Protein backbone atom coordinates (compact mmCIF):
# COMPACT_ATOMS: atom_id res chain seq x y z
CA TYR A 1 83.32 39.60 161.78
CA VAL A 2 83.11 42.97 163.55
CA ALA A 3 86.87 43.61 163.29
CA LEU A 4 87.06 43.06 159.53
CA PRO A 5 88.08 46.09 157.44
CA PHE A 6 84.83 46.17 155.43
CA GLY A 7 85.94 49.24 153.51
CA THR A 8 88.44 47.16 151.54
CA LEU A 9 85.71 45.30 149.62
CA PHE A 10 83.86 48.51 148.76
CA GLU A 11 87.10 50.15 147.67
CA CYS A 12 87.80 47.31 145.25
CA LEU A 13 84.29 46.86 143.84
CA ASP A 14 81.46 49.29 143.22
CA ILE A 15 78.10 48.62 144.83
CA SER A 16 76.52 46.84 141.84
CA ASN A 17 79.45 44.43 141.61
CA VAL A 18 79.45 43.78 145.37
CA LEU A 19 75.77 42.90 145.12
CA PHE A 20 76.36 40.60 142.17
CA VAL A 21 79.13 38.67 143.90
CA TRP A 22 77.18 38.43 147.18
CA TYR A 23 74.05 37.21 145.36
CA SER A 24 76.10 34.66 143.41
CA LEU A 25 77.46 33.26 146.67
CA THR A 26 74.00 33.27 148.23
CA LEU A 27 72.89 30.93 145.45
CA GLU A 28 76.11 28.90 145.70
CA ARG A 29 77.84 29.68 142.44
CA LYS A 30 81.54 29.20 141.76
CA VAL A 31 83.39 32.45 142.48
CA LEU A 32 87.08 33.15 141.92
CA LEU A 33 88.61 36.36 143.28
CA VAL A 34 91.70 37.72 141.52
CA SER A 35 94.15 40.34 142.81
CA SER A 36 97.83 41.16 142.73
CA GLN A 37 97.68 41.51 146.53
CA CYS A 38 97.29 38.43 148.78
CA SER A 39 96.00 40.54 151.65
CA ILE A 40 93.15 41.87 149.53
CA LEU A 41 92.12 38.34 148.54
CA THR A 42 92.00 37.15 152.14
CA VAL A 43 90.18 40.18 153.51
CA CYS A 44 87.58 40.36 150.71
CA ALA A 45 86.86 36.61 150.91
CA GLU A 46 86.23 36.89 154.64
CA ILE A 47 84.01 39.95 154.21
CA LEU A 48 81.92 38.23 151.54
CA CYS A 49 81.42 35.23 153.84
CA SER A 50 80.35 37.55 156.66
CA LEU A 51 77.71 39.20 154.45
CA LEU A 52 75.99 35.80 154.10
CA PHE A 53 75.01 35.82 157.80
CA PRO A 54 72.88 34.14 159.16
CA MET A 55 73.87 31.63 156.49
CA GLN A 56 77.34 30.11 156.48
CA TRP A 57 79.41 29.22 153.44
CA SER A 58 79.77 25.44 153.55
CA HIS A 59 81.59 24.61 150.32
CA LEU A 60 85.19 24.77 149.11
CA TYR A 61 86.85 27.88 150.54
CA ILE A 62 90.48 28.80 149.80
CA PRO A 63 91.08 32.58 150.03
CA THR A 64 94.54 32.30 148.44
CA ILE A 65 94.85 29.11 146.44
CA PRO A 66 98.44 27.96 145.78
CA ARG A 67 99.56 27.08 142.26
CA PHE A 68 99.64 23.32 142.86
CA LEU A 69 95.96 23.32 143.88
CA THR A 70 94.60 25.21 140.85
CA PRO A 71 93.10 21.99 139.33
CA MET A 72 90.51 22.29 142.11
CA LEU A 73 89.07 25.30 140.25
CA ASP A 74 87.36 22.80 137.95
CA ALA A 75 85.72 20.99 140.87
CA PRO A 76 82.06 20.00 140.34
CA MET A 77 80.89 21.98 143.37
CA PRO A 78 80.43 25.61 144.42
CA TYR A 79 83.51 27.37 145.69
CA LEU A 80 84.86 30.68 146.88
CA CYS A 81 88.56 30.90 146.09
CA GLY A 82 91.12 33.61 145.58
CA ILE A 83 94.18 33.59 143.36
CA THR A 84 97.04 36.01 142.85
CA ARG A 85 97.44 37.57 139.43
CA GLU A 86 100.83 35.90 139.16
CA ASN A 87 99.30 32.43 139.58
CA MET A 88 96.26 33.23 137.45
CA ALA A 89 98.32 32.73 134.29
CA TYR A 90 98.95 29.11 135.32
CA ALA A 91 95.32 28.46 136.30
CA VAL A 92 93.45 29.58 133.18
CA GLY A 93 93.16 26.03 131.83
CA ASP A 94 91.84 24.74 135.16
CA ILE A 95 89.04 27.25 135.69
CA SER A 96 85.55 25.82 135.26
CA ASP A 97 83.33 27.18 132.47
CA GLU A 98 80.77 27.98 135.19
CA THR A 99 83.10 30.15 137.27
CA ILE A 100 82.46 33.83 137.96
CA VAL A 101 85.85 35.58 137.92
CA VAL A 102 86.02 38.76 140.02
CA ASP A 103 88.97 41.05 139.35
CA LEU A 104 89.35 43.04 142.57
CA ASP A 105 92.09 45.26 141.11
CA GLN A 106 90.07 46.33 138.07
CA ASN A 107 86.46 46.19 139.38
CA VAL A 108 85.58 43.77 136.57
CA ILE A 109 83.42 40.63 136.72
CA THR A 110 83.54 37.94 134.02
CA THR A 111 81.09 35.06 133.85
CA GLY A 112 81.94 31.73 132.25
CA PRO A 113 80.21 30.49 129.07
CA TYR A 114 78.19 28.00 131.13
CA THR A 115 77.63 30.01 134.32
CA PRO A 116 74.06 29.25 135.45
CA GLU A 117 71.82 32.28 135.13
CA LEU A 118 70.82 33.91 138.41
CA PRO A 119 67.14 34.53 139.17
CA PRO A 120 66.37 38.23 139.62
CA ILE A 121 66.83 39.75 143.05
CA PRO A 122 63.35 40.59 144.45
CA HIS A 123 62.79 44.15 143.20
CA ARG A 124 61.72 45.88 146.40
CA ARG A 125 64.43 44.24 148.50
CA ARG A 126 67.06 45.08 145.89
CA PHE A 127 65.98 48.72 145.94
CA LYS A 128 66.17 48.86 149.75
CA LEU A 129 69.52 47.09 149.83
CA GLU A 130 71.01 49.35 147.18
CA SER A 131 69.64 52.45 148.91
CA ALA A 132 71.18 51.42 152.24
CA LEU A 133 74.56 50.74 150.61
CA GLU A 134 74.49 54.02 148.68
CA GLN A 135 73.72 55.87 151.91
CA HIS A 136 76.47 54.29 154.00
CA VAL A 137 79.24 53.34 151.56
CA GLY A 138 78.30 55.07 148.31
CA ASP A 139 81.42 57.25 148.34
CA VAL A 140 83.96 54.61 149.42
CA PHE A 141 84.73 53.32 145.92
CA TRP A 142 85.37 56.81 144.52
CA ALA A 143 87.20 58.07 147.61
CA ALA A 144 89.74 55.26 147.18
CA ARG A 145 90.43 56.72 143.73
CA GLY A 146 90.77 60.32 144.89
CA LEU A 147 87.31 61.38 143.74
CA ARG A 148 83.88 62.17 145.11
CA ARG A 149 80.78 60.58 143.68
CA ASP A 150 79.20 64.00 142.99
CA GLN A 151 82.25 64.92 140.86
CA VAL A 152 81.71 61.90 138.65
CA ASP A 153 77.94 62.46 138.44
CA LYS A 154 78.44 66.11 137.51
CA VAL A 155 80.68 65.23 134.55
CA LYS A 156 78.41 62.34 133.51
CA ASN A 157 75.37 64.60 133.42
CA SER A 158 77.15 67.49 131.71
CA LYS A 159 75.75 68.64 128.34
CA LYS A 160 79.05 70.13 127.19
CA PRO A 161 80.48 68.80 123.90
CA ASN A 162 83.65 67.48 125.52
CA ALA A 163 81.87 65.88 128.50
CA ARG A 164 82.64 62.30 127.47
CA GLU A 165 86.31 63.12 126.93
CA ARG A 166 86.48 64.82 130.33
CA LEU A 167 84.80 61.81 131.95
CA ASN A 168 87.29 59.39 130.36
CA ASP A 169 90.21 61.53 131.54
CA LEU A 170 88.76 61.72 135.04
CA LEU A 171 88.26 57.96 135.23
CA ASP A 172 91.72 57.26 133.81
CA ASP A 173 93.34 59.47 136.46
CA ALA A 174 91.22 57.82 139.15
CA GLU A 175 92.24 54.35 137.97
CA GLN A 176 95.92 55.28 138.02
CA SER A 177 95.53 56.63 141.55
CA TRP A 178 93.84 53.39 142.67
CA GLN A 179 96.47 51.16 141.06
CA MET A 180 99.25 53.06 142.82
CA ARG A 181 97.44 52.69 146.13
CA ASN A 182 96.58 49.06 145.45
CA LYS A 183 100.24 48.10 145.04
CA GLY A 184 100.95 48.91 148.69
CA PHE A 185 98.31 46.74 150.34
CA ASP A 186 100.52 43.72 151.01
CA GLU A 187 103.34 45.89 152.31
CA ALA A 188 101.00 47.72 154.66
CA PHE A 189 99.48 44.41 155.76
CA SER A 190 102.93 43.07 156.69
CA LEU A 191 103.84 46.19 158.64
CA ALA A 192 100.62 46.30 160.68
CA TYR A 193 100.91 45.48 164.39
CA ALA A 194 99.21 42.36 165.67
CA PRO A 195 96.81 42.91 168.61
CA ASP A 196 99.30 41.39 171.08
CA SER A 197 102.37 42.99 169.54
CA VAL A 198 104.87 44.28 172.11
CA SER A 199 105.48 47.33 169.94
CA ASN A 200 101.80 48.08 169.94
CA LEU A 201 101.27 47.54 173.66
CA ASP A 202 104.31 49.49 174.83
CA ASP A 203 104.04 52.50 172.56
CA ASP A 204 102.86 55.08 175.10
CA GLN A 205 103.34 57.88 172.62
CA LEU A 206 100.92 56.24 170.19
CA ASN A 207 98.34 55.71 172.92
CA SER A 208 98.64 59.24 174.27
CA SER A 209 98.27 60.80 170.81
CA ARG A 210 94.90 59.18 170.27
CA SER A 211 92.50 62.11 170.28
CA GLU A 212 88.80 62.33 170.89
CA VAL A 213 88.30 63.19 167.22
CA GLY A 214 90.09 60.01 166.21
CA ASP A 215 87.95 57.93 168.56
CA ASN A 216 84.79 59.48 167.16
CA LYS A 217 85.94 58.77 163.61
CA SER A 218 86.60 55.13 164.47
CA SER A 219 83.19 54.85 166.11
CA ASP A 220 81.46 56.43 163.10
CA GLU A 221 83.25 54.05 160.72
CA GLN A 222 82.21 51.05 162.81
CA SER A 223 78.59 52.23 162.81
CA GLN A 224 78.83 52.72 159.03
CA TYR A 225 79.78 49.11 158.41
CA ASP A 226 77.41 47.79 161.08
CA ALA A 227 74.68 49.37 158.96
CA VAL A 228 76.03 47.60 155.88
CA GLN A 229 75.93 44.21 157.61
CA GLU A 230 72.43 44.96 158.87
CA ALA A 231 71.25 45.80 155.34
CA PHE A 232 72.26 42.35 154.07
CA LEU A 233 70.79 40.69 157.15
CA ARG A 234 67.46 42.45 156.53
CA PHE A 235 67.34 40.88 153.07
CA PHE A 236 67.43 37.38 154.59
CA VAL A 237 64.94 38.36 157.31
CA ALA A 238 62.46 39.56 154.68
CA ALA A 239 63.04 36.56 152.40
CA LEU A 240 62.59 33.96 155.16
CA LYS A 241 59.77 35.62 157.05
CA GLY A 242 57.52 32.99 158.62
CA TYR A 243 59.75 30.05 157.65
CA ARG A 244 59.31 28.37 161.07
CA LYS A 245 55.68 27.59 160.23
CA PHE A 246 56.93 25.17 157.58
CA LEU A 247 59.33 23.28 159.84
CA ALA A 248 58.41 19.76 160.94
CA PHE A 249 60.46 18.49 163.87
CA GLY A 250 61.49 14.87 164.27
CA ASP A 251 64.80 13.07 164.38
CA ARG A 252 65.89 15.69 161.89
CA PRO A 253 64.06 18.94 161.08
CA THR A 254 62.20 18.83 157.77
CA PHE A 255 61.34 21.94 155.82
CA HIS A 256 58.36 22.00 153.45
CA SER A 257 59.99 24.23 150.87
CA GLU A 258 57.31 23.96 148.16
CA SER A 259 54.56 25.11 150.49
CA PHE A 260 56.76 27.88 151.82
CA VAL A 261 57.63 29.22 148.36
CA LYS A 262 54.01 29.11 147.13
CA LEU A 263 52.87 31.39 149.93
CA GLN A 264 55.56 34.04 149.37
CA ARG A 265 55.25 37.16 147.28
CA GLU A 266 55.58 36.54 143.57
CA ASP A 267 58.80 38.53 143.16
CA PHE A 268 60.48 36.40 145.87
CA ARG A 269 59.54 33.01 144.42
CA PRO A 270 62.26 32.57 141.74
CA PHE A 271 64.94 33.38 144.31
CA LEU A 272 63.43 31.21 147.04
CA GLN A 273 62.89 28.22 144.75
CA GLU A 274 66.63 28.07 144.20
CA PHE A 275 67.78 29.30 147.59
CA THR A 276 65.80 26.69 149.57
CA GLN A 277 67.68 23.96 147.65
CA THR A 278 71.13 25.20 148.67
CA GLN A 279 73.37 23.45 151.16
CA MET A 280 73.64 26.69 153.15
CA PHE A 281 69.91 26.81 153.68
CA ASP A 282 69.77 23.10 154.55
CA ALA A 283 72.47 23.63 157.19
CA PHE A 284 70.55 26.65 158.51
CA ILE A 285 67.36 24.59 158.88
CA THR A 286 69.19 21.65 160.49
CA LYS A 287 70.49 23.95 163.24
CA ARG A 288 67.02 25.17 164.14
């Protein structure tokens, strides 16, 4: 997962929406990603799967579902699928009433009328996770729209009479900037060199123009998203602390989930009661 362009997800969705989608997948809900760009669907689906580590998504997974398979969106099982905006019009009647629809172009999440309610994220862990994301990728969403977060906060907190109007204008301009940029993702994806591309390997001029500043920037960006992955991993480490004590080994490992949940902190229990019943967690335990 190291080579994934993690910035793409945080450009499409703000931090609160990224957390909501990740948490929904952690508890094995039905999630449908929507975008006008196929490349965005594929990349964001892969990034979301990577943020589940050390768990592994083990249900229906189709990053770009073709039109003839849209009836699967009413399947009686969790899924992570993506669909182009063009095909979305043909799929509306097939989408389950439990599905969480994530519009990656508009940063909008819509839950179905029968989407099961999520237990609250443990308060302290949510605070730490949000703080880590704000520190490392807090500006990515706004930067993709030609803004800085402090610009938006300044207008939001302004006491001037026309502050709300100024904020709406600022956000409208930012949205237009993002939509213009968003339209070029597939084109850029098609033009990108593959790792073993002859053009990429033989372009001495490209290699010689790579400066030390550029290398440092690449290294800093990698460290930035390493920290993001680590923040999500720390959530699972804290939630499953001491789980091995409740494993009984035999022909197949057995996990005493009720005893485990009872001994955890109170704010973790609603999450763990549901999480320990997921197929992801069962697969995790089986591999121990």
